[in-house]
Amino acid sequence: MRSSTVKTGLGITTALAASLAFLPGPAPAQALFHEGAPGLFHEGQRTAGVATVKDIPPPASGKTITVGPGKDFDNIQDAADAAQPGDNVAITPGTYDGGLTINNDGDDGKFITFYGDGGQAVITGEGGGDDGLLQIGEHSWQRFINVTSKDSSGFAVRANGGHDLSFSGFEVDGSQDGGLVLYGVSNILVDGCDIHGTNAEGTSADGEAMSLGEGSSNIDVSHCKVHDNGEEGIDVKYDDDAKAKIHDNVVSNNRGPNIYVDSSSNVEVYNNVTTGTKEESKAGIALAVEHWSDSRTLNNVKIYNNVSYGNAQAGISFWKETDGTMSNVQIVNNTFYDNGAGSISFDADVEGDNLLRNNIFGEGDVSNDGFTSDHNVAGDPGFVDPAGGDFHLKADSEAVNAGSADSAPAFDLENHPRPAGSAVDIGAYEQ
């Protein structure tokens, strides 16, 4: 049973966390080191699914507006224009032409909730330029469940400056520019979403499959599939105090990087599987400082319990476009394997206290003078089936009980507590 409260340290509001309390699966995980294992999913990673009627939060106002043949409104736009704070908009599954522009705000704890009533409500049409096929603008207290943006001629979804936005079971199915593009926003939950086919224009496209940037903060992205997109997968960029948690996602087969942290601070990337970047210069997880950032600062980034394998470049890369500062990066209990440029590629200097610990560097040794490095192993320490993508440890693996508890997470990629034996195991999985 999911909790509708938020533990200290997550950063998002209690009301926004409650917006997911009615949905199937675990609540957003707490990524605090050594403070109780979060309710994570795995067994192939939980992905986007249709919420049933019983999973939809009841309307705070007591009013549900219906959309579809024989309902209150024939189209979603008219229903949206009629919706007031706390209303639910129940949409009969099907395809609705013309896009959707949000014109009304919710209120404190009173979301306007749009949901596909038993299936996906698909928004399509000629819209989708600079403002998005789903245009949120600066509006706040909006929640979208079982909604799809399909074949946008520009952005699929765009928000600029709002707050308390929630996307659950949301799909982006094709866009010429970016997919879920959220700039200057705060208190954001993205859970169980499927984003694919974005950035069809290629490198000339604006935005990424999922863009969380330009001063955004208090972000939680979990349980998503982000795959087969023409640019980056999940991009946290230009956020000086992001308070972002990117966790329990499968990010694959994008041009890359699959997960990108650019000129942002206070970010945790954990319990993700990232594989198959296509461009030879793109890593599974990339840390960067681009010159577009005003601060040109990346600081306090924690990367743990991830599997990064089979990417065109490295498992993780460090890169600066011109100048800037990268500091206080922890890379702990990750598994790397079969990446084109090795486990970690260092094309930038780092400052501050940086850590490489309890990692499996499947491609060979990794070292850098800017990092404290210990309790890592190189090569295959005894994986169950690396050729088949199974990086669990065999019982007799040299990585079992060989790690350090210092700065190690209290759980592994599958939410098994650490340590399971006499000491912490090395890598993303506890044996």
Protein backbone atom coordinates (compact mmCIF):
# COMPACT_ATOMS: atom_id res chain seq x y z
CA MET A 1 0.00 0.00 0.00
CA ARG A 2 1.52 3.29 -0.99
CA SER A 3 1.99 6.03 1.51
CA SER A 4 0.65 9.48 0.67
CA THR A 5 3.25 11.19 2.82
CA VAL A 6 6.75 12.28 2.02
CA LYS A 7 9.79 11.52 4.12
CA THR A 8 12.15 14.32 4.92
CA GLY A 9 14.63 14.77 2.10
CA LEU A 10 12.54 14.03 -0.99
CA GLY A 11 11.83 17.70 -1.57
CA ILE A 12 8.44 17.40 -3.26
CA THR A 13 5.28 18.55 -1.53
CA THR A 14 3.16 16.12 0.44
CA ALA A 15 0.13 17.01 -1.69
CA LEU A 16 1.97 16.21 -4.89
CA ALA A 17 3.26 12.91 -3.53
CA ALA A 18 -0.33 12.07 -2.64
CA SER A 19 -1.21 12.51 -6.29
CA LEU A 20 0.43 9.14 -6.95
CA ALA A 21 -0.87 7.39 -3.85
CA PHE A 22 -3.84 5.98 -5.75
CA LEU A 23 -1.84 4.49 -8.59
CA PRO A 24 -0.61 0.88 -8.83
CA GLY A 25 2.86 0.14 -7.54
CA PRO A 26 5.19 1.77 -5.04
CA ALA A 27 5.43 5.39 -4.07
CA PRO A 28 8.39 7.48 -5.22
CA ALA A 29 11.43 5.98 -3.57
CA GLN A 30 13.44 7.74 -0.91
CA ALA A 31 17.06 7.88 -2.00
CA LEU A 32 18.56 8.64 1.38
CA PHE A 33 21.69 6.64 2.09
CA HIS A 34 21.35 4.21 5.01
CA GLU A 35 17.82 5.25 5.86
CA GLY A 36 15.56 2.35 5.10
CA ALA A 37 14.99 0.71 1.77
CA PRO A 38 12.49 2.42 -0.52
CA GLY A 39 9.54 0.65 -2.12
CA LEU A 40 11.12 -0.07 -5.47
CA PHE A 41 9.98 -2.24 -8.34
CA HIS A 42 11.92 -4.54 -10.54
CA GLU A 43 11.51 -7.95 -12.15
CA GLY A 44 12.17 -6.35 -15.51
CA GLN A 45 11.31 -2.89 -14.15
CA ARG A 46 7.69 -1.81 -13.72
CA THR A 47 6.60 0.25 -16.69
CA ALA A 48 3.69 2.33 -17.82
CA GLY A 49 0.31 0.72 -17.32
CA VAL A 50 -3.33 1.72 -17.41
CA ALA A 51 -4.75 2.81 -14.07
CA THR A 52 -8.22 1.47 -13.31
CA VAL A 53 -11.10 3.60 -12.08
CA LYS A 54 -10.38 2.66 -8.47
CA ASP A 55 -6.82 3.97 -8.89
CA ILE A 56 -7.91 7.50 -9.84
CA PRO A 57 -7.86 10.04 -7.00
CA PRO A 58 -11.37 11.26 -6.21
CA PRO A 59 -12.05 14.87 -7.20
CA ALA A 60 -11.31 17.29 -4.37
CA SER A 61 -14.27 19.35 -5.54
CA GLY A 62 -16.57 16.35 -5.73
CA LYS A 63 -17.14 17.02 -9.45
CA THR A 64 -16.20 14.79 -12.38
CA ILE A 65 -16.60 16.13 -15.93
CA THR A 66 -16.92 13.47 -18.62
CA VAL A 67 -15.64 13.53 -22.20
CA GLY A 68 -16.64 11.33 -25.13
CA PRO A 69 -19.69 10.28 -27.14
CA GLY A 70 -22.84 11.02 -25.15
CA LYS A 71 -20.84 12.56 -22.28
CA ASP A 72 -20.74 16.09 -20.87
CA PHE A 73 -18.42 17.23 -23.66
CA ASP A 74 -17.41 15.79 -27.03
CA ASN A 75 -13.83 17.06 -26.82
CA ILE A 76 -11.18 17.46 -24.17
CA GLN A 77 -10.57 21.17 -24.79
CA ASP A 78 -14.12 22.21 -23.89
CA ALA A 79 -13.96 20.08 -20.75
CA ALA A 80 -10.61 21.60 -19.79
CA ASP A 81 -11.99 25.12 -20.21
CA ALA A 82 -14.90 24.23 -17.91
CA ALA A 83 -12.76 22.55 -15.24
CA GLN A 84 -12.23 24.29 -11.92
CA PRO A 85 -9.80 23.55 -9.07
CA GLY A 86 -10.31 20.04 -7.71
CA ASP A 87 -12.31 18.75 -10.69
CA ASN A 88 -11.66 15.47 -12.44
CA VAL A 89 -11.96 15.17 -16.22
CA ALA A 90 -12.78 11.56 -17.14
CA ILE A 91 -12.04 10.88 -20.82
CA THR A 92 -13.47 7.93 -22.69
CA PRO A 93 -10.54 6.03 -24.28
CA GLY A 94 -9.98 6.98 -27.90
CA THR A 95 -8.29 9.56 -30.11
CA TYR A 96 -9.09 13.26 -29.80
CA ASP A 97 -7.97 15.65 -32.50
CA GLY A 98 -6.82 19.23 -32.05
CA GLY A 99 -4.38 19.17 -29.14
CA LEU A 100 -5.05 20.49 -25.64
CA THR A 101 -4.28 23.92 -24.16
CA ILE A 102 -4.55 24.32 -20.39
CA ASN A 103 -6.16 27.65 -19.50
CA ASN A 104 -7.21 27.11 -15.87
CA ASP A 105 -5.11 26.55 -12.75
CA GLY A 106 -5.89 24.17 -9.97
CA ASP A 107 -5.31 25.30 -6.41
CA ASP A 108 -3.33 24.28 -3.36
CA GLY A 109 -3.98 20.54 -3.05
CA LYS A 110 -6.79 20.76 -5.60
CA PHE A 111 -5.47 19.26 -8.81
CA ILE A 112 -7.37 19.43 -12.06
CA THR A 113 -7.03 15.78 -13.07
CA PHE A 114 -7.30 14.55 -16.66
CA TYR A 115 -7.46 10.79 -17.05
CA GLY A 116 -8.25 8.13 -19.57
CA ASP A 117 -11.19 6.32 -18.04
CA GLY A 118 -10.09 2.68 -18.37
CA GLY A 119 -7.64 3.18 -21.23
CA GLN A 120 -5.48 5.75 -22.96
CA ALA A 121 -6.93 9.07 -24.06
CA VAL A 122 -4.88 9.98 -27.13
CA ILE A 123 -4.35 13.64 -28.03
CA THR A 124 -3.28 14.27 -31.61
CA GLY A 125 -3.74 16.82 -34.39
CA GLU A 126 -2.05 19.72 -36.11
CA GLY A 127 -0.94 21.43 -32.90
CA GLY A 128 2.37 20.97 -31.17
CA GLY A 129 4.62 23.82 -32.22
CA ASP A 130 6.73 25.76 -29.74
CA ASP A 131 4.06 25.45 -27.04
CA GLY A 132 3.35 21.71 -27.31
CA LEU A 133 0.52 19.51 -28.49
CA LEU A 134 -0.34 19.44 -24.78
CA GLN A 135 0.26 23.05 -23.84
CA ILE A 136 0.49 23.59 -20.08
CA GLY A 137 2.21 26.98 -20.15
CA GLU A 138 2.60 28.50 -16.69
CA HIS A 139 -0.38 26.71 -15.19
CA SER A 140 -0.12 24.72 -11.98
CA TRP A 141 -1.80 21.91 -10.03
CA GLN A 142 -2.36 19.77 -13.12
CA ARG A 143 -2.41 15.98 -13.16
CA PHE A 144 -2.48 13.67 -16.21
CA ILE A 145 -3.15 9.93 -15.96
CA ASN A 146 -3.48 7.50 -18.90
CA VAL A 147 -3.04 10.27 -21.47
CA THR A 148 -1.02 10.00 -24.71
CA SER A 149 0.40 12.77 -26.88
CA LYS A 150 0.78 11.37 -30.39
CA ASP A 151 2.61 12.62 -33.49
CA SER A 152 3.21 16.22 -32.49
CA SER A 153 4.60 18.47 -35.21
CA GLY A 154 6.71 20.21 -32.52
CA PHE A 155 6.90 19.49 -28.79
CA ALA A 156 4.64 16.81 -27.38
CA VAL A 157 4.20 18.50 -23.98
CA ARG A 158 5.52 21.86 -22.86
CA ALA A 159 5.34 23.65 -19.52
CA ASN A 160 7.07 26.91 -18.66
CA GLY A 161 7.14 28.13 -15.09
CA GLY A 162 4.26 26.25 -13.43
CA HIS A 163 4.40 24.01 -10.39
CA ASP A 164 2.83 20.87 -8.95
CA LEU A 165 2.52 18.87 -12.14
CA SER A 166 2.02 15.09 -12.20
CA PHE A 167 2.22 12.65 -15.12
CA SER A 168 1.33 9.00 -14.52
CA GLY A 169 0.88 6.29 -17.11
CA PHE A 170 1.57 9.06 -19.61
CA GLU A 171 2.81 8.27 -23.09
CA VAL A 172 4.56 10.32 -25.73
CA ASP A 173 4.24 8.53 -29.05
CA GLY A 174 6.25 10.57 -31.53
CA SER A 175 7.14 14.24 -31.86
CA GLN A 176 9.33 16.27 -34.17
CA ASP A 177 10.92 18.14 -31.25
CA GLY A 178 11.17 17.20 -27.58
CA GLY A 179 8.70 14.96 -25.76
CA LEU A 180 7.94 15.88 -22.15
CA VAL A 181 9.58 19.33 -21.95
CA LEU A 182 9.30 21.07 -18.58
CA TYR A 183 11.23 24.33 -18.05
CA GLY A 184 11.35 26.51 -14.96
CA VAL A 185 8.94 24.25 -13.09
CA SER A 186 8.86 22.89 -9.53
CA ASN A 187 7.30 20.00 -7.64
CA ILE A 188 7.18 17.54 -10.52
CA LEU A 189 6.27 13.85 -10.50
CA VAL A 190 6.69 11.67 -13.58
CA ASP A 191 5.79 8.05 -12.88
CA GLY A 192 5.28 4.99 -15.06
CA CYS A 193 5.53 6.84 -18.37
CA ASP A 194 6.52 5.60 -21.83
CA ILE A 195 8.31 8.12 -24.05
CA HIS A 196 9.44 7.12 -27.51
CA GLY A 197 9.78 8.42 -31.04
CA THR A 198 10.63 12.00 -30.03
CA ASN A 199 13.13 14.36 -31.66
CA ALA A 200 12.27 12.95 -35.06
CA GLU A 201 14.00 15.95 -36.65
CA GLY A 202 17.25 14.58 -35.24
CA THR A 203 20.01 16.90 -34.05
CA SER A 204 18.13 19.98 -35.32
CA ALA A 205 15.25 19.24 -32.93
CA ASP A 206 14.71 21.35 -29.80
CA GLY A 207 14.51 19.72 -26.38
CA GLU A 208 14.97 16.10 -25.41
CA ALA A 209 12.75 13.09 -24.88
CA MET A 210 12.32 14.32 -21.30
CA SER A 211 13.67 17.78 -20.49
CA LEU A 212 13.73 19.02 -16.89
CA GLY A 213 15.54 22.28 -16.98
CA GLU A 214 16.17 25.99 -16.82
CA GLY A 215 15.72 26.44 -13.10
CA SER A 216 13.44 23.49 -12.38
CA SER A 217 13.48 21.96 -8.90
CA ASN A 218 11.95 19.25 -6.71
CA ILE A 219 11.72 16.59 -9.42
CA ASP A 220 10.98 12.88 -9.15
CA VAL A 221 11.13 10.71 -12.29
CA SER A 222 10.53 7.00 -11.77
CA HIS A 223 9.37 3.74 -13.35
CA CYS A 224 9.52 5.11 -16.89
CA LYS A 225 10.55 3.63 -20.22
CA VAL A 226 12.38 6.23 -22.30
CA HIS A 227 13.53 4.62 -25.51
CA ASP A 228 14.18 4.95 -29.22
CA ASN A 229 14.37 8.73 -29.28
CA GLY A 230 16.40 10.92 -31.62
CA GLU A 231 18.34 12.82 -28.94
CA GLU A 232 18.92 12.52 -25.17
CA GLY A 233 16.65 10.37 -23.02
CA ILE A 234 16.20 12.04 -19.60
CA ASP A 235 17.93 15.43 -19.34
CA VAL A 236 18.32 17.44 -16.13
CA LYS A 237 19.87 20.70 -17.31
CA TYR A 238 20.70 24.18 -16.09
CA ASP A 239 19.15 23.58 -12.65
CA ASP A 240 21.33 25.09 -9.93
CA ASP A 241 19.30 23.43 -7.16
CA ALA A 242 17.47 20.65 -8.96
CA LYS A 243 16.66 18.44 -5.95
CA ALA A 244 16.10 15.82 -8.64
CA LYS A 245 15.77 12.06 -8.24
CA ILE A 246 15.95 10.01 -11.43
CA HIS A 247 15.32 6.41 -10.43
CA ASP A 248 13.94 3.03 -11.39
CA ASN A 249 13.78 3.78 -15.10
CA VAL A 250 14.79 1.79 -18.16
CA VAL A 251 16.41 4.20 -20.62
CA SER A 252 17.49 2.58 -23.84
CA ASN A 253 18.32 2.89 -27.52
CA ASN A 254 18.31 6.67 -27.65
CA ARG A 255 20.84 8.64 -29.67
CA GLY A 256 22.11 9.53 -26.22
CA PRO A 257 23.13 10.12 -23.64
CA ASN A 258 20.39 8.05 -22.09
CA ILE A 259 20.52 10.03 -18.84
CA TYR A 260 22.14 13.47 -18.96
CA VAL A 261 22.94 15.77 -16.04
CA ASP A 262 24.13 19.09 -17.44
CA SER A 263 25.17 22.07 -15.31
CA SER A 264 22.89 21.01 -12.46
CA SER A 265 23.35 20.42 -8.75
CA ASN A 266 21.77 18.21 -6.09
CA VAL A 267 20.84 15.31 -8.36
CA GLU A 268 20.54 11.59 -7.59
CA VAL A 269 20.55 9.01 -10.38
CA TYR A 270 19.88 5.53 -9.04
CA ASN A 271 18.33 2.15 -9.72
CA ASN A 272 18.23 2.70 -13.47
CA VAL A 273 19.11 0.41 -16.35
CA THR A 274 20.63 2.31 -19.25
CA THR A 275 21.74 0.65 -22.45
CA GLY A 276 22.14 0.98 -26.18
CA THR A 277 23.06 4.60 -26.91
CA LYS A 278 23.54 4.90 -30.66
CA GLU A 279 25.92 7.82 -31.19
CA GLU A 280 29.58 6.93 -30.57
CA SER A 281 30.15 10.04 -28.46
CA LYS A 282 27.19 9.41 -26.15
CA ALA A 283 27.40 7.57 -22.83
CA GLY A 284 24.74 5.70 -20.92
CA ILE A 285 24.91 8.35 -18.18
CA ALA A 286 26.65 11.65 -18.91
CA LEU A 287 27.71 14.47 -16.61
CA ALA A 288 28.50 17.72 -18.37
CA VAL A 289 28.89 21.47 -18.19
CA GLU A 290 27.74 23.12 -21.40
CA HIS A 291 28.35 26.77 -22.18
CA TRP A 292 24.59 27.45 -22.39
CA SER A 293 24.43 27.40 -18.60
CA ASP A 294 24.80 30.70 -16.74
CA SER A 295 26.48 29.11 -13.72
CA ARG A 296 28.42 26.41 -15.60
CA THR A 297 28.38 24.36 -12.41
CA LEU A 298 27.68 20.71 -11.70
CA ASN A 299 27.79 19.83 -8.01
CA ASN A 300 26.63 17.20 -5.55
CA VAL A 301 25.61 14.43 -7.93
CA LYS A 302 25.15 10.88 -6.64
CA ILE A 303 25.05 7.94 -9.05
CA TYR A 304 24.36 4.55 -7.49
CA ASN A 305 22.76 1.15 -8.06
CA ASN A 306 22.66 1.59 -11.84
CA VAL A 307 23.47 -0.92 -14.58
CA SER A 308 24.97 0.82 -17.60
CA TYR A 309 25.91 -1.56 -20.38
CA GLY A 310 26.20 -1.87 -24.13
CA ASN A 311 26.37 1.87 -24.81
CA ALA A 312 28.16 3.31 -27.82
CA GLN A 313 30.50 5.38 -25.66
CA ALA A 314 31.15 4.89 -21.92
CA GLY A 315 28.95 3.73 -19.09
CA ILE A 316 29.41 7.20 -17.55
CA SER A 317 31.15 10.19 -19.12
CA PHE A 318 32.45 13.52 -17.83
CA TRP A 319 32.64 16.44 -20.28
CA LYS A 320 33.00 20.23 -20.32
CA GLU A 321 32.19 22.20 -23.44
CA THR A 322 34.40 25.18 -22.53
CA ASP A 323 34.94 26.07 -18.87
CA GLY A 324 33.08 25.52 -15.62
CA THR A 325 33.19 23.45 -12.43
CA MET A 326 32.33 19.83 -11.75
CA SER A 327 32.56 18.80 -8.11
CA ASN A 328 31.44 16.42 -5.38
CA VAL A 329 30.38 13.45 -7.49
CA GLN A 330 29.78 10.04 -5.90
CA ILE A 331 29.69 6.92 -8.10
CA VAL A 332 28.88 3.99 -5.84
CA ASN A 333 27.62 0.41 -6.34
CA ASN A 334 27.12 0.55 -10.09
CA THR A 335 27.68 -2.17 -12.68
CA PHE A 336 29.28 -1.39 -16.05
CA TYR A 337 29.74 -3.81 -18.90
CA ASP A 338 30.49 -3.84 -22.62
CA ASN A 339 30.47 -0.09 -23.16
CA GLY A 340 32.31 1.18 -26.22
CA ALA A 341 34.67 3.55 -24.39
CA GLY A 342 34.96 1.68 -21.10
CA SER A 343 33.16 2.04 -17.82
CA ILE A 344 33.92 5.74 -17.28
CA SER A 345 35.29 8.34 -19.68
CA PHE A 346 36.94 11.39 -18.10
CA ASP A 347 37.12 14.40 -20.43
CA ALA A 348 36.91 16.97 -17.64
CA ASP A 349 38.64 17.69 -14.34
CA VAL A 350 36.71 17.45 -11.09
CA GLU A 351 37.01 19.36 -7.84
CA GLY A 352 35.95 18.74 -4.24
CA ASP A 353 35.30 15.33 -2.68
CA ASN A 354 34.66 12.71 -5.36
CA LEU A 355 34.21 8.98 -4.85
CA LEU A 356 34.43 5.75 -6.84
CA ARG A 357 33.44 2.86 -4.60
CA ASN A 358 31.88 -0.60 -4.83
CA ASN A 359 31.63 -0.49 -8.61
CA ILE A 360 32.08 -3.29 -11.13
CA PHE A 361 34.11 -1.99 -14.06
CA GLY A 362 33.41 -4.77 -16.52
CA GLU A 363 35.60 -3.31 -19.27
CA GLY A 364 38.73 -2.95 -17.11
CA ASP A 365 40.34 -0.79 -14.43
CA VAL A 366 39.22 2.80 -13.91
CA SER A 367 41.23 5.44 -12.09
CA ASN A 368 41.30 9.21 -11.84
CA ASP A 369 43.38 11.42 -9.58
CA GLY A 370 40.35 13.53 -8.74
CA PHE A 371 38.55 10.61 -7.06
CA THR A 372 38.98 8.54 -3.95
CA SER A 373 38.74 5.03 -5.35
CA ASP A 374 38.39 1.76 -3.41
CA HIS A 375 36.52 -1.55 -3.25
CA ASN A 376 36.00 -1.68 -7.01
CA VAL A 377 36.55 -4.73 -9.20
CA ALA A 378 37.50 -4.94 -12.88
CA GLY A 379 36.29 -7.48 -15.42
CA ASP A 380 33.56 -10.06 -14.98
CA PRO A 381 33.49 -10.91 -11.25
CA GLY A 382 31.06 -13.77 -11.80
CA PHE A 383 27.87 -12.50 -13.43
CA VAL A 384 24.99 -14.90 -13.94
CA ASP A 385 24.59 -14.23 -17.68
CA PRO A 386 26.22 -11.04 -18.95
CA ALA A 387 25.63 -11.93 -22.61
CA GLY A 388 21.91 -12.10 -21.81
CA GLY A 389 21.95 -8.88 -19.79
CA ASP A 390 21.74 -10.57 -16.38
CA PHE A 391 24.28 -8.90 -14.09
CA HIS A 392 23.23 -10.55 -10.85
CA LEU A 393 26.14 -12.12 -9.02
CA LYS A 394 26.78 -15.83 -8.77
CA ALA A 395 27.08 -17.16 -5.24
CA ASP A 396 30.83 -17.59 -5.65
CA SER A 397 31.42 -14.18 -7.28
CA GLU A 398 34.44 -12.27 -6.01
CA ALA A 399 32.16 -9.23 -5.60
CA VAL A 400 30.01 -10.88 -2.92
CA ASN A 401 30.67 -9.49 0.58
CA ALA A 402 33.62 -7.54 -0.83
CA GLY A 403 32.34 -3.95 -0.65
CA SER A 404 32.44 -1.14 1.87
CA ALA A 405 29.40 0.01 3.83
CA ASP A 406 30.78 3.55 3.93
CA SER A 407 28.61 5.71 1.62
CA ALA A 408 26.90 2.61 0.22
CA PRO A 409 23.13 2.75 -0.30
CA ALA A 410 21.01 0.74 2.12
CA PHE A 411 19.32 -1.15 -0.74
CA ASP A 412 20.21 -2.52 -4.15
CA LEU A 413 18.68 -2.13 -7.60
CA GLU A 414 15.90 -4.59 -6.68
CA ASN A 415 15.25 -3.08 -3.24
CA HIS A 416 17.01 -5.89 -1.43
CA PRO A 417 18.57 -4.52 1.74
CA ARG A 418 22.31 -4.09 1.95
CA PRO A 419 24.17 -5.96 3.25
CA ALA A 420 22.55 -9.35 2.77
CA GLY A 421 25.64 -11.19 4.00
CA SER A 422 28.64 -10.34 6.12
CA ALA A 423 29.41 -7.21 4.07
CA VAL A 424 28.04 -5.12 1.23
CA ASP A 425 28.34 -6.66 -2.24
CA ILE A 426 30.04 -4.76 -5.04
CA GLY A 427 27.89 -3.66 -7.99
CA ALA A 428 24.23 -2.79 -8.45
CA TYR A 429 22.84 -6.10 -7.15
CA GLU A 430 23.12 -7.65 -3.70
CA GLN A 431 23.52 -11.41 -4.06
